[in-house]
Amino acid sequence: MKNKKILITGGAGYVGSSLVPKLLKLGHEVIVFDLFMYGDVFFDIKSNPKLKLVKSDIRNLKDISNNIKGCDTVIHLACISNDPSFELNPELGKSINYDAFTPLVEISKENGVERFIYASSSSVYGVKNELDVTEDLCLEPLTDYSKYKALCEEILLKNKEKGFYPLIIRPATVCGYARRLRLDLTVNILTNHAINNGLIKVFGGSQKRPNINIEDMTDLYVNCINYPLDKIDCKIFNVGYENHSINEIARIVKNTLKKKIDIVHEKTDDLRSYHVSSKKIERELGFVPKRTINEAVESINQAFIQNIIPNSMIDSRYYNIKTMQNINLQ
């Protein structure tokens, strides 16, 4: 395995905070390009000579140009993540998630980047009636967040040329503990409330949601750096593992924690339900997730036992929308 020089936009976020240490451990050189809104998540490894931390905005093209030189791989994770955070300031969301995308792709090509790995979203499908949502289905995004994810996919594929190899990943909802922990995602929300309140509130319950353990998600990005180029060139892959209803996820959380937890059901108007298929990535790349929702729940539980998730119900750093409100990013 050849060591690479990798620029990761949004590398200090939830997924990036788990991915970066893995890449460093393998000997890769990593440049984290991030606003660091959630604090110093790499405090214990920032002295690593192969790690460079750049505090900057993805819209700062000069900073991107200055730091992308010599990189053969870009992993683009940076975005205003999920619908509620995007809807706080749609103009801001568009400027970061969409307007900044084409310049990033162009700068990457100008600087000889070989692999461009884009983290899209399974939300680009909208609501589907098919039993399995596969990559060949038409995209019907329901929100601006998912619409711009889909439009960026189009932009990236149109920029394909010799020597530049785009890869699009459509992840399911990620779960489990990471250095920069999110407690505003389904499995993590239910786990936090179960541990600290002894209560899980389920809104609706029949809706199916695809999930993937963060350790599997980051293992995939590590693998994508080394897959043969012809196997990833202009390819689109769903990546998920367990498609469960919200009711089933609540029971998994309760059974994993093995303590008295009440599950309360409440009505909701949001009955979106979808079952994402990850058969293509298994067939073409041989990637099969190895971890479960249970293990994601247990990883968060162990972090609570070790007292490394203080003030989990009120600290804004665990919640994207609260952080966005606090910093008033423009």
C-alpha atoms as a PDB file:
ATOM      1  CA  MET A   1       0.000   0.000   0.000  1.00  0.00           C
ATOM      2  CA  LYS A   2       1.524   3.272  -1.177  1.00  0.00           C
ATOM      3  CA  ASN A   3       1.432   6.174   1.274  1.00  0.00           C
ATOM      4  CA  LYS A   4      -0.600   9.104   0.003  1.00  0.00           C
ATOM      5  CA  LYS A   5      -0.924  12.814   0.645  1.00  0.00           C
ATOM      6  CA  ILE A   6      -4.577  13.456   1.388  1.00  0.00           C
ATOM      7  CA  LEU A   7      -6.569  16.666   1.796  1.00  0.00           C
ATOM      8  CA  ILE A   8      -9.716  16.127   3.873  1.00  0.00           C
ATOM      9  CA  THR A   9     -12.195  18.985   3.839  1.00  0.00           C
ATOM     10  CA  GLY A  10     -14.320  18.932   6.975  1.00  0.00           C
ATOM     11  CA  GLY A  11     -11.771  16.563   8.471  1.00  0.00           C
ATOM     12  CA  ALA A  12     -12.471  17.655  12.062  1.00  0.00           C
ATOM     13  CA  GLY A  13     -16.142  16.717  11.898  1.00  0.00           C
ATOM     14  CA  TYR A  14     -17.852  13.534  13.071  1.00  0.00           C
ATOM     15  CA  VAL A  15     -16.585  11.186  10.366  1.00  0.00           C
ATOM     16  CA  GLY A  16     -13.280  12.978   9.834  1.00  0.00           C
ATOM     17  CA  SER A  17     -12.364  12.817  13.514  1.00  0.00           C
ATOM     18  CA  SER A  18     -12.503   9.025  13.299  1.00  0.00           C
ATOM     19  CA  LEU A  19     -10.911   8.788   9.838  1.00  0.00           C
ATOM     20  CA  VAL A  20      -7.826  10.958  10.340  1.00  0.00           C
ATOM     21  CA  PRO A  21      -6.190   8.835  13.094  1.00  0.00           C
ATOM     22  CA  LYS A  22      -6.644   5.714  10.957  1.00  0.00           C
ATOM     23  CA  LEU A  23      -4.907   7.323   7.975  1.00  0.00           C
ATOM     24  CA  LEU A  24      -2.033   8.572  10.104  1.00  0.00           C
ATOM     25  CA  LYS A  25      -1.590   5.137  11.645  1.00  0.00           C
ATOM     26  CA  LEU A  26      -1.156   3.728   8.141  1.00  0.00           C
ATOM     27  CA  GLY A  27       1.546   6.276   7.367  1.00  0.00           C
ATOM     28  CA  HIS A  28      -0.394   8.620   5.099  1.00  0.00           C
ATOM     29  CA  GLU A  29       0.189  12.368   5.136  1.00  0.00           C
ATOM     30  CA  VAL A  30      -3.041  14.172   6.043  1.00  0.00           C
ATOM     31  CA  ILE A  31      -4.100  17.801   5.682  1.00  0.00           C
ATOM     32  CA  VAL A  32      -7.267  18.600   7.630  1.00  0.00           C
ATOM     33  CA  PHE A  33      -9.008  21.650   6.154  1.00  0.00           C
ATOM     34  CA  ASP A  34     -11.741  22.680   8.575  1.00  0.00           C
ATOM     35  CA  LEU A  35     -13.273  25.546  10.553  1.00  0.00           C
ATOM     36  CA  PHE A  36     -12.853  23.517  13.776  1.00  0.00           C
ATOM     37  CA  MET A  37     -16.247  24.660  15.021  1.00  0.00           C
ATOM     38  CA  TYR A  38     -16.404  21.735  17.421  1.00  0.00           C
ATOM     39  CA  GLY A  39     -13.075  22.277  19.128  1.00  0.00           C
ATOM     40  CA  ASP A  40      -9.622  20.726  19.139  1.00  0.00           C
ATOM     41  CA  VAL A  41     -10.515  17.112  18.359  1.00  0.00           C
ATOM     42  CA  PHE A  42      -6.917  16.191  17.517  1.00  0.00           C
ATOM     43  CA  PHE A  43      -5.315  17.579  20.687  1.00  0.00           C
ATOM     44  CA  ASP A  44      -3.404  14.350  21.386  1.00  0.00           C
ATOM     45  CA  ILE A  45      -2.080  13.722  17.870  1.00  0.00           C
ATOM     46  CA  LYS A  46      -1.525  17.199  16.429  1.00  0.00           C
ATOM     47  CA  SER A  47       2.222  16.902  17.011  1.00  0.00           C
ATOM     48  CA  ASN A  48       2.323  14.089  14.441  1.00  0.00           C
ATOM     49  CA  PRO A  49       4.640  15.360  11.661  1.00  0.00           C
ATOM     50  CA  LYS A  50       2.367  13.833   9.009  1.00  0.00           C
ATOM     51  CA  LEU A  51      -0.672  15.812  10.196  1.00  0.00           C
ATOM     52  CA  LYS A  52      -1.302  19.400   9.120  1.00  0.00           C
ATOM     53  CA  LEU A  53      -4.287  21.277  10.542  1.00  0.00           C
ATOM     54  CA  VAL A  54      -5.572  24.199   8.489  1.00  0.00           C
ATOM     55  CA  LYS A  55      -8.266  26.343  10.084  1.00  0.00           C
ATOM     56  CA  SER A  56     -10.090  27.856   7.158  1.00  0.00           C
ATOM     57  CA  ASP A  57     -13.353  28.072   5.262  1.00  0.00           C
ATOM     58  CA  ILE A  58     -14.017  25.868   2.229  1.00  0.00           C
ATOM     59  CA  ARG A  59     -14.988  29.069   0.410  1.00  0.00           C
ATOM     60  CA  ASN A  60     -11.456  30.457   0.849  1.00  0.00           C
ATOM     61  CA  LEU A  61     -10.030  29.449  -2.524  1.00  0.00           C
ATOM     62  CA  LYS A  62      -6.611  30.907  -1.801  1.00  0.00           C
ATOM     63  CA  ASP A  63      -6.199  28.727   1.284  1.00  0.00           C
ATOM     64  CA  ILE A  64      -7.348  25.665  -0.646  1.00  0.00           C
ATOM     65  CA  SER A  65      -4.861  26.367  -3.445  1.00  0.00           C
ATOM     66  CA  ASN A  66      -2.034  26.870  -0.964  1.00  0.00           C
ATOM     67  CA  ASN A  67      -2.690  23.618   0.878  1.00  0.00           C
ATOM     68  CA  ILE A  68      -3.685  21.211  -1.879  1.00  0.00           C
ATOM     69  CA  LYS A  69      -0.293  21.269  -3.583  1.00  0.00           C
ATOM     70  CA  GLY A  70       1.216  17.791  -3.824  1.00  0.00           C
ATOM     71  CA  CYS A  71      -1.970  16.008  -2.783  1.00  0.00           C
ATOM     72  CA  ASP A  72      -2.961  12.988  -4.825  1.00  0.00           C
ATOM     73  CA  THR A  73      -6.286  12.450  -3.008  1.00  0.00           C
ATOM     74  CA  VAL A  74      -9.128  14.703  -1.838  1.00  0.00           C
ATOM     75  CA  ILE A  75     -11.839  13.422   0.493  1.00  0.00           C
ATOM     76  CA  HIS A  76     -14.578  16.029   0.508  1.00  0.00           C
ATOM     77  CA  LEU A  77     -16.581  15.783   3.726  1.00  0.00           C
ATOM     78  CA  ALA A  78     -17.153  19.488   4.419  1.00  0.00           C
ATOM     79  CA  CYS A  79     -20.738  20.685   4.340  1.00  0.00           C
ATOM     80  CA  ILE A  80     -23.546  22.166   6.367  1.00  0.00           C
ATOM     81  CA  SER A  81     -24.770  18.756   7.412  1.00  0.00           C
ATOM     82  CA  ASN A  82     -28.400  17.627   7.489  1.00  0.00           C
ATOM     83  CA  ASP A  83     -31.665  19.432   6.763  1.00  0.00           C
ATOM     84  CA  PRO A  84     -32.236  21.338  10.047  1.00  0.00           C
ATOM     85  CA  SER A  85     -28.736  22.854  10.038  1.00  0.00           C
ATOM     86  CA  PHE A  86     -29.080  23.795   6.366  1.00  0.00           C
ATOM     87  CA  GLU A  87     -32.493  25.394   6.901  1.00  0.00           C
ATOM     88  CA  LEU A  88     -31.119  27.696   9.622  1.00  0.00           C
ATOM     89  CA  ASN A  89     -29.517  29.746   6.862  1.00  0.00           C
ATOM     90  CA  PRO A  90     -30.263  28.402   3.366  1.00  0.00           C
ATOM     91  CA  GLU A  91     -28.069  31.017   1.705  1.00  0.00           C
ATOM     92  CA  LEU A  92     -25.093  29.995   3.836  1.00  0.00           C
ATOM     93  CA  GLY A  93     -25.834  26.314   3.187  1.00  0.00           C
ATOM     94  CA  LYS A  94     -25.906  26.851  -0.564  1.00  0.00           C
ATOM     95  CA  SER A  95     -22.651  28.837  -0.533  1.00  0.00           C
ATOM     96  CA  ILE A  96     -20.795  26.055   1.314  1.00  0.00           C
ATOM     97  CA  ASN A  97     -22.484  22.909   0.011  1.00  0.00           C
ATOM     98  CA  TYR A  98     -22.931  23.940  -3.615  1.00  0.00           C
ATOM     99  CA  ASP A  99     -21.257  27.202  -4.685  1.00  0.00           C
ATOM    100  CA  ALA A 100     -17.875  26.176  -3.245  1.00  0.00           C
ATOM    101  CA  PHE A 101     -17.953  22.759  -4.890  1.00  0.00           C
ATOM    102  CA  THR A 102     -17.048  23.570  -8.500  1.00  0.00           C
ATOM    103  CA  PRO A 103     -14.026  25.727  -7.505  1.00  0.00           C
ATOM    104  CA  LEU A 104     -12.785  22.910  -5.242  1.00  0.00           C
ATOM    105  CA  VAL A 105     -13.040  20.402  -8.102  1.00  0.00           C
ATOM    106  CA  GLU A 106     -11.303  22.769 -10.517  1.00  0.00           C
ATOM    107  CA  ILE A 107      -8.472  23.524  -8.082  1.00  0.00           C
ATOM    108  CA  SER A 108      -8.070  19.800  -7.463  1.00  0.00           C
ATOM    109  CA  LYS A 109      -7.689  19.111 -11.168  1.00  0.00           C
ATOM    110  CA  GLU A 110      -5.286  22.019 -11.667  1.00  0.00           C
ATOM    111  CA  ASN A 111      -3.055  20.627  -8.912  1.00  0.00           C
ATOM    112  CA  GLY A 112      -2.931  17.066 -10.201  1.00  0.00           C
ATOM    113  CA  VAL A 113      -5.255  15.414  -7.686  1.00  0.00           C
ATOM    114  CA  GLU A 114      -5.881  11.868  -8.874  1.00  0.00           C
ATOM    115  CA  ARG A 115      -8.747  10.661  -6.656  1.00  0.00           C
ATOM    116  CA  PHE A 116     -11.625  12.874  -5.618  1.00  0.00           C
ATOM    117  CA  ILE A 117     -13.891  11.126  -3.131  1.00  0.00           C
ATOM    118  CA  TYR A 118     -17.178  12.903  -2.500  1.00  0.00           C
ATOM    119  CA  ALA A 119     -19.392  12.214   0.508  1.00  0.00           C
ATOM    120  CA  SER A 120     -22.905  12.619  -0.850  1.00  0.00           C
ATOM    121  CA  SER A 121     -25.973  11.293   1.005  1.00  0.00           C
ATOM    122  CA  SER A 122     -28.613   8.598   0.724  1.00  0.00           C
ATOM    123  CA  SER A 123     -31.154  11.421   1.157  1.00  0.00           C
ATOM    124  CA  VAL A 124     -30.736  12.270  -2.551  1.00  0.00           C
ATOM    125  CA  TYR A 125     -33.235   9.510  -3.372  1.00  0.00           C
ATOM    126  CA  GLY A 126     -36.148  11.165  -1.583  1.00  0.00           C
ATOM    127  CA  VAL A 127     -38.987   8.789  -0.722  1.00  0.00           C
ATOM    128  CA  LYS A 128     -39.072   5.601  -2.787  1.00  0.00           C
ATOM    129  CA  ASN A 129     -41.678   2.838  -3.021  1.00  0.00           C
ATOM    130  CA  GLU A 130     -39.128   0.267  -4.159  1.00  0.00           C
ATOM    131  CA  LEU A 131     -38.223  -2.395  -1.606  1.00  0.00           C
ATOM    132  CA  ASP A 132     -34.521  -1.770  -2.277  1.00  0.00           C
ATOM    133  CA  VAL A 133     -33.205   1.670  -3.152  1.00  0.00           C
ATOM    134  CA  THR A 134     -30.353   1.087  -5.607  1.00  0.00           C
ATOM    135  CA  GLU A 135     -27.898   3.479  -7.238  1.00  0.00           C
ATOM    136  CA  ASP A 136     -29.625   3.347 -10.640  1.00  0.00           C
ATOM    137  CA  LEU A 137     -32.903   4.826  -9.390  1.00  0.00           C
ATOM    138  CA  CYS A 138     -33.706   8.424 -10.289  1.00  0.00           C
ATOM    139  CA  LEU A 139     -32.926  11.040  -7.669  1.00  0.00           C
ATOM    140  CA  GLU A 140     -35.852  12.912  -6.140  1.00  0.00           C
ATOM    141  CA  PRO A 141     -34.378  15.059  -3.354  1.00  0.00           C
ATOM    142  CA  LEU A 142     -37.006  16.622  -1.097  1.00  0.00           C
ATOM    143  CA  THR A 143     -34.950  19.358   0.550  1.00  0.00           C
ATOM    144  CA  ASP A 144     -32.365  21.942  -0.449  1.00  0.00           C
ATOM    145  CA  TYR A 145     -29.715  20.004   1.477  1.00  0.00           C
ATOM    146  CA  SER A 146     -30.297  16.835  -0.557  1.00  0.00           C
ATOM    147  CA  LYS A 147     -30.883  18.776  -3.796  1.00  0.00           C
ATOM    148  CA  TYR A 148     -27.439  20.362  -3.624  1.00  0.00           C
ATOM    149  CA  LYS A 149     -25.855  17.020  -2.742  1.00  0.00           C
ATOM    150  CA  ALA A 150     -27.366  15.617  -5.944  1.00  0.00           C
ATOM    151  CA  LEU A 151     -26.297  18.611  -8.047  1.00  0.00           C
ATOM    152  CA  CYS A 152     -22.718  18.302  -6.794  1.00  0.00           C
ATOM    153  CA  GLU A 153     -22.695  14.680  -7.923  1.00  0.00           C
ATOM    154  CA  GLU A 154     -23.574  15.871 -11.445  1.00  0.00           C
ATOM    155  CA  ILE A 155     -20.839  18.500 -11.382  1.00  0.00           C
ATOM    156  CA  LEU A 156     -18.220  16.005 -10.264  1.00  0.00           C
ATOM    157  CA  LEU A 157     -19.058  13.423 -12.924  1.00  0.00           C
ATOM    158  CA  LYS A 158     -19.028  16.081 -15.662  1.00  0.00           C
ATOM    159  CA  ASN A 159     -15.487  17.006 -14.624  1.00  0.00           C
ATOM    160  CA  LYS A 160     -14.147  13.535 -15.338  1.00  0.00           C
ATOM    161  CA  GLU A 161     -11.024  13.636 -17.490  1.00  0.00           C
ATOM    162  CA  LYS A 162      -7.851  11.642 -17.964  1.00  0.00           C
ATOM    163  CA  GLY A 163      -5.895  11.507 -14.715  1.00  0.00           C
ATOM    164  CA  PHE A 164      -8.823  12.679 -12.548  1.00  0.00           C
ATOM    165  CA  TYR A 165     -10.939   9.926 -11.013  1.00  0.00           C
ATOM    166  CA  PRO A 166     -14.170  10.904  -9.227  1.00  0.00           C
ATOM    167  CA  LEU A 167     -15.882   8.593  -6.718  1.00  0.00           C
ATOM    168  CA  ILE A 168     -19.249   9.276  -5.084  1.00  0.00           C
ATOM    169  CA  ILE A 169     -20.286   7.646  -1.829  1.00  0.00           C
ATOM    170  CA  ARG A 170     -23.887   7.838  -0.597  1.00  0.00           C
ATOM    171  CA  PRO A 171     -23.699   6.947   3.092  1.00  0.00           C
ATOM    172  CA  ALA A 172     -26.521   5.805   5.306  1.00  0.00           C
ATOM    173  CA  THR A 173     -26.910   7.479   8.707  1.00  0.00           C
ATOM    174  CA  VAL A 174     -23.671   7.046  10.630  1.00  0.00           C
ATOM    175  CA  CYS A 175     -23.708   5.912  14.262  1.00  0.00           C
ATOM    176  CA  GLY A 176     -21.288   5.242  17.105  1.00  0.00           C
ATOM    177  CA  TYR A 177     -18.673   7.076  19.138  1.00  0.00           C
ATOM    178  CA  ALA A 178     -16.076   9.398  17.601  1.00  0.00           C
ATOM    179  CA  ARG A 179     -13.733  12.107  18.862  1.00  0.00           C
ATOM    180  CA  ARG A 180     -16.113  14.766  17.585  1.00  0.00           C
ATOM    181  CA  LEU A 181     -19.314  13.096  18.681  1.00  0.00           C
ATOM    182  CA  ARG A 182     -22.713  13.859  17.190  1.00  0.00           C
ATOM    183  CA  LEU A 183     -25.714  13.202  19.409  1.00  0.00           C
ATOM    184  CA  ASP A 184     -28.238  14.444  16.844  1.00  0.00           C
ATOM    185  CA  LEU A 185     -28.343  11.269  14.711  1.00  0.00           C
ATOM    186  CA  THR A 186     -30.949   8.554  15.216  1.00  0.00           C
ATOM    187  CA  VAL A 187     -29.022   5.771  16.963  1.00  0.00           C
ATOM    188  CA  ASN A 188     -26.879   8.219  18.928  1.00  0.00           C
ATOM    189  CA  ILE A 189     -29.903  10.266  20.029  1.00  0.00           C
ATOM    190  CA  LEU A 190     -31.744   7.233  21.335  1.00  0.00           C
ATOM    191  CA  THR A 191     -28.631   5.940  23.090  1.00  0.00           C
ATOM    192  CA  ASN A 192     -27.958   9.260  24.818  1.00  0.00           C
ATOM    193  CA  HIS A 193     -31.535   9.534  26.094  1.00  0.00           C
ATOM    194  CA  ALA A 194     -31.682   5.896  27.145  1.00  0.00           C
ATOM    195  CA  ILE A 195     -28.497   6.185  29.203  1.00  0.00           C
ATOM    196  CA  ASN A 196     -29.187   9.560  30.766  1.00  0.00           C
ATOM    197  CA  ASN A 197     -32.982   9.674  31.031  1.00  0.00           C
ATOM    198  CA  GLY A 198     -33.927   6.007  31.100  1.00  0.00           C
ATOM    199  CA  LEU A 199     -36.406   6.909  28.371  1.00  0.00           C
ATOM    200  CA  ILE A 200     -36.565   6.638  24.593  1.00  0.00           C
ATOM    201  CA  LYS A 201     -39.110   8.688  22.666  1.00  0.00           C
ATOM    202  CA  VAL A 202     -40.040   7.191  19.315  1.00  0.00           C
ATOM    203  CA  PHE A 203     -41.793   9.484  16.861  1.00  0.00           C
ATOM    204  CA  GLY A 204     -43.866   7.233  14.635  1.00  0.00           C
ATOM    205  CA  GLY A 205     -41.772   4.092  14.646  1.00  0.00           C
ATOM    206  CA  SER A 206     -42.562   2.203  11.466  1.00  0.00           C
ATOM    207  CA  GLN A 207     -40.223   4.309   9.303  1.00  0.00           C
ATOM    208  CA  LYS A 208     -37.189   2.388   8.089  1.00  0.00           C
ATOM    209  CA  ARG A 209     -33.763   3.984   8.259  1.00  0.00           C
ATOM    210  CA  PRO A 210     -30.432   2.669   6.908  1.00  0.00           C
ATOM    211  CA  ASN A 211     -27.449   2.909   9.249  1.00  0.00           C
ATOM    212  CA  ILE A 212     -23.717   2.319   9.246  1.00  0.00           C
ATOM    213  CA  ASN A 213     -21.265   2.102  12.132  1.00  0.00           C
ATOM    214  CA  ILE A 214     -18.721   4.934  12.008  1.00  0.00           C
ATOM    215  CA  GLU A 215     -15.852   2.436  12.168  1.00  0.00           C
ATOM    216  CA  ASP A 216     -17.104   0.813   8.955  1.00  0.00           C
ATOM    217  CA  MET A 217     -17.718   4.185   7.328  1.00  0.00           C
ATOM    218  CA  THR A 218     -14.155   5.315   7.970  1.00  0.00           C
ATOM    219  CA  ASP A 219     -12.710   1.931   6.996  1.00  0.00           C
ATOM    220  CA  LEU A 220     -14.384   2.386   3.624  1.00  0.00           C
ATOM    221  CA  TYR A 221     -12.776   5.793   3.071  1.00  0.00           C
ATOM    222  CA  VAL A 222      -9.402   4.252   3.937  1.00  0.00           C
ATOM    223  CA  ASN A 223     -10.044   1.515   1.377  1.00  0.00           C
ATOM    224  CA  CYS A 224     -11.116   4.021  -1.279  1.00  0.00           C
ATOM    225  CA  ILE A 225      -7.651   5.541  -1.235  1.00  0.00           C
ATOM    226  CA  ASN A 226      -6.216   2.272  -2.535  1.00  0.00           C
ATOM    227  CA  TYR A 227      -8.893   0.647  -4.684  1.00  0.00           C
ATOM    228  CA  PRO A 228      -7.697   0.240  -8.307  1.00  0.00           C
ATOM    229  CA  LEU A 229      -8.622   3.370 -10.224  1.00  0.00           C
ATOM    230  CA  ASP A 230     -10.658   1.517 -12.827  1.00  0.00           C
ATOM    231  CA  LYS A 231     -12.907   0.151 -10.076  1.00  0.00           C
ATOM    232  CA  ILE A 232     -13.821   3.568  -8.671  1.00  0.00           C
ATOM    233  CA  ASP A 233     -13.691   5.844 -11.717  1.00  0.00           C
ATOM    234  CA  CYS A 234     -17.010   7.771 -11.958  1.00  0.00           C
ATOM    235  CA  LYS A 235     -18.680   5.175  -9.752  1.00  0.00           C
ATOM    236  CA  ILE A 236     -21.508   5.798  -7.284  1.00  0.00           C
ATOM    237  CA  PHE A 237     -22.004   3.522  -4.287  1.00  0.00           C
ATOM    238  CA  ASN A 238     -24.549   3.339  -1.510  1.00  0.00           C
ATOM    239  CA  VAL A 239     -22.985   2.317   1.765  1.00  0.00           C
ATOM    240  CA  GLY A 240     -25.072   1.115   4.662  1.00  0.00           C
ATOM    241  CA  TYR A 241     -25.527  -1.961   6.717  1.00  0.00           C
ATOM    242  CA  GLU A 242     -28.678  -2.295   8.768  1.00  0.00           C
ATOM    243  CA  ASN A 243     -32.047  -1.097   7.508  1.00  0.00           C
ATOM    244  CA  HIS A 244     -34.233  -1.030  10.611  1.00  0.00           C
ATOM    245  CA  SER A 245     -37.441   0.670  11.619  1.00  0.00           C
ATOM    246  CA  ILE A 246     -37.192   3.310  14.339  1.00  0.00           C
ATOM    247  CA  ASN A 247     -39.055   0.882  16.610  1.00  0.00           C
ATOM    248  CA  GLU A 248     -36.439  -1.784  15.963  1.00  0.00           C
ATOM    249  CA  ILE A 249     -33.596   0.648  16.619  1.00  0.00           C
ATOM    250  CA  ALA A 250     -35.165   1.620  19.953  1.00  0.00           C
ATOM    251  CA  ARG A 251     -35.363  -2.049  20.960  1.00  0.00           C
ATOM    252  CA  ILE A 252     -31.747  -2.639  19.876  1.00  0.00           C
ATOM    253  CA  VAL A 253     -30.626   0.271  22.074  1.00  0.00           C
ATOM    254  CA  LYS A 254     -32.631  -1.012  25.037  1.00  0.00           C
ATOM    255  CA  ASN A 255     -31.428  -4.608  24.653  1.00  0.00           C
ATOM    256  CA  THR A 256     -27.793  -3.558  24.201  1.00  0.00           C
ATOM    257  CA  LEU A 257     -27.736  -1.420  27.332  1.00  0.00           C
ATOM    258  CA  LYS A 258     -29.454  -4.141  29.409  1.00  0.00           C
ATOM    259  CA  LYS A 259     -31.096  -1.753  31.840  1.00  0.00           C
ATOM    260  CA  LYS A 260     -34.587  -0.542  32.590  1.00  0.00           C
ATOM    261  CA  ILE A 261     -35.508   1.808  29.764  1.00  0.00           C
ATOM    262  CA  ASP A 262     -39.025   2.935  28.880  1.00  0.00           C
ATOM    263  CA  ILE A 263     -39.943   3.308  25.215  1.00  0.00           C
ATOM    264  CA  VAL A 264     -42.655   5.918  24.599  1.00  0.00           C
ATOM    265  CA  HIS A 265     -44.336   6.393  21.232  1.00  0.00           C
ATOM    266  CA  GLU A 266     -45.490   9.749  19.908  1.00  0.00           C
ATOM    267  CA  LYS A 267     -47.205  10.752  16.683  1.00  0.00           C
ATOM    268  CA  THR A 268     -45.321  12.329  13.791  1.00  0.00           C
ATOM    269  CA  ASP A 269     -46.091  13.691  10.350  1.00  0.00           C
ATOM    270  CA  ASP A 270     -42.688  12.534   9.108  1.00  0.00           C
ATOM    271  CA  LEU A 271     -43.328   9.002   7.886  1.00  0.00           C
ATOM    272  CA  ARG A 272     -40.507   8.921   5.321  1.00  0.00           C
ATOM    273  CA  SER A 273     -39.226   5.381   5.019  1.00  0.00           C
ATOM    274  CA  TYR A 274     -36.615   3.830   2.760  1.00  0.00           C
ATOM    275  CA  HIS A 275     -34.486   0.707   2.487  1.00  0.00           C
ATOM    276  CA  VAL A 276     -31.103   1.402   0.908  1.00  0.00           C
ATOM    277  CA  SER A 277     -29.339  -1.446  -0.867  1.00  0.00           C
ATOM    278  CA  SER A 278     -25.557  -1.774  -0.547  1.00  0.00           C
ATOM    279  CA  LYS A 279     -25.236  -4.821  -2.773  1.00  0.00           C
ATOM    280  CA  LYS A 280     -23.376  -2.946  -5.523  1.00  0.00           C
ATOM    281  CA  ILE A 281     -20.430  -1.962  -3.322  1.00  0.00           C
ATOM    282  CA  GLU A 282     -20.168  -5.530  -2.063  1.00  0.00           C
ATOM    283  CA  ARG A 283     -20.293  -6.909  -5.583  1.00  0.00           C
ATOM    284  CA  GLU A 284     -17.846  -4.480  -7.204  1.00  0.00           C
ATOM    285  CA  LEU A 285     -15.458  -3.583  -4.377  1.00  0.00           C
ATOM    286  CA  GLY A 286     -15.951  -6.464  -1.966  1.00  0.00           C
ATOM    287  CA  PHE A 287     -16.829  -4.057   0.848  1.00  0.00           C
ATOM    288  CA  VAL A 288     -19.044  -5.518   3.567  1.00  0.00           C
ATOM    289  CA  PRO A 289     -19.561  -3.679   6.876  1.00  0.00           C
ATOM    290  CA  LYS A 290     -18.353  -5.659   9.874  1.00  0.00           C
ATOM    291  CA  ARG A 291     -19.908  -3.778  12.791  1.00  0.00           C
ATOM    292  CA  THR A 292     -23.467  -3.469  14.029  1.00  0.00           C
ATOM    293  CA  ILE A 293     -25.813  -0.937  15.583  1.00  0.00           C
ATOM    294  CA  ASN A 294     -25.352  -2.810  18.849  1.00  0.00           C
ATOM    295  CA  GLU A 295     -21.616  -2.121  18.716  1.00  0.00           C
ATOM    296  CA  ALA A 296     -22.258   1.553  17.953  1.00  0.00           C
ATOM    297  CA  VAL A 297     -24.539   1.789  21.001  1.00  0.00           C
ATOM    298  CA  GLU A 298     -21.981   0.041  23.170  1.00  0.00           C
ATOM    299  CA  SER A 299     -19.173   2.352  21.985  1.00  0.00           C
ATOM    300  CA  ILE A 300     -21.170   5.362  23.177  1.00  0.00           C
ATOM    301  CA  ASN A 301     -22.084   3.576  26.401  1.00  0.00           C
ATOM    302  CA  GLN A 302     -18.406   2.878  27.125  1.00  0.00           C
ATOM    303  CA  ALA A 303     -17.562   6.537  26.494  1.00  0.00           C
ATOM    304  CA  PHE A 304     -20.152   7.536  29.086  1.00  0.00           C
ATOM    305  CA  ILE A 305     -18.704   5.020  31.543  1.00  0.00           C
ATOM    306  CA  GLN A 306     -15.270   6.599  30.982  1.00  0.00           C
ATOM    307  CA  ASN A 307     -16.759  10.075  31.567  1.00  0.00           C
ATOM    308  CA  ILE A 308     -15.586  11.444  28.225  1.00  0.00           C
ATOM    309  CA  ILE A 309     -18.990  12.768  27.114  1.00  0.00           C
ATOM    310  CA  PRO A 310     -19.709  15.520  29.655  1.00  0.00           C
ATOM    311  CA  ASN A 311     -22.990  17.460  29.636  1.00  0.00           C
ATOM    312  CA  SER A 312     -24.340  15.369  26.770  1.00  0.00           C
ATOM    313  CA  MET A 313     -27.867  16.750  26.956  1.00  0.00           C
ATOM    314  CA  ILE A 314     -26.943  20.445  26.852  1.00  0.00           C
ATOM    315  CA  ASP A 315     -23.447  20.950  25.411  1.00  0.00           C
ATOM    316  CA  SER A 316     -23.844  22.438  21.925  1.00  0.00           C
ATOM    317  CA  ARG A 317     -20.712  20.764  20.537  1.00  0.00           C
ATOM    318  CA  TYR A 318     -22.639  17.477  20.206  1.00  0.00           C
ATOM    319  CA  TYR A 319     -25.395  19.085  18.154  1.00  0.00           C
ATOM    320  CA  ASN A 320     -24.796  20.606  14.734  1.00  0.00           C
ATOM    321  CA  ILE A 321     -27.783  22.929  14.777  1.00  0.00           C
ATOM    322  CA  LYS A 322     -26.974  24.318  18.241  1.00  0.00           C
ATOM    323  CA  THR A 323     -23.380  24.981  17.241  1.00  0.00           C
ATOM    324  CA  MET A 324     -24.517  26.735  14.074  1.00  0.00           C
ATOM    325  CA  GLN A 325     -26.807  28.951  16.132  1.00  0.00           C
ATOM    326  CA  ASN A 326     -24.048  29.772  18.606  1.00  0.00           C
ATOM    327  CA  ILE A 327     -21.292  30.743  16.189  1.00  0.00           C
ATOM    328  CA  ASN A 328     -23.505  32.576  13.667  1.00  0.00           C
ATOM    329  CA  LEU A 329     -21.379  31.565  10.697  1.00  0.00           C
ATOM    330  CA  GLN A 330     -21.870  33.791   7.652  1.00  0.00           C
END
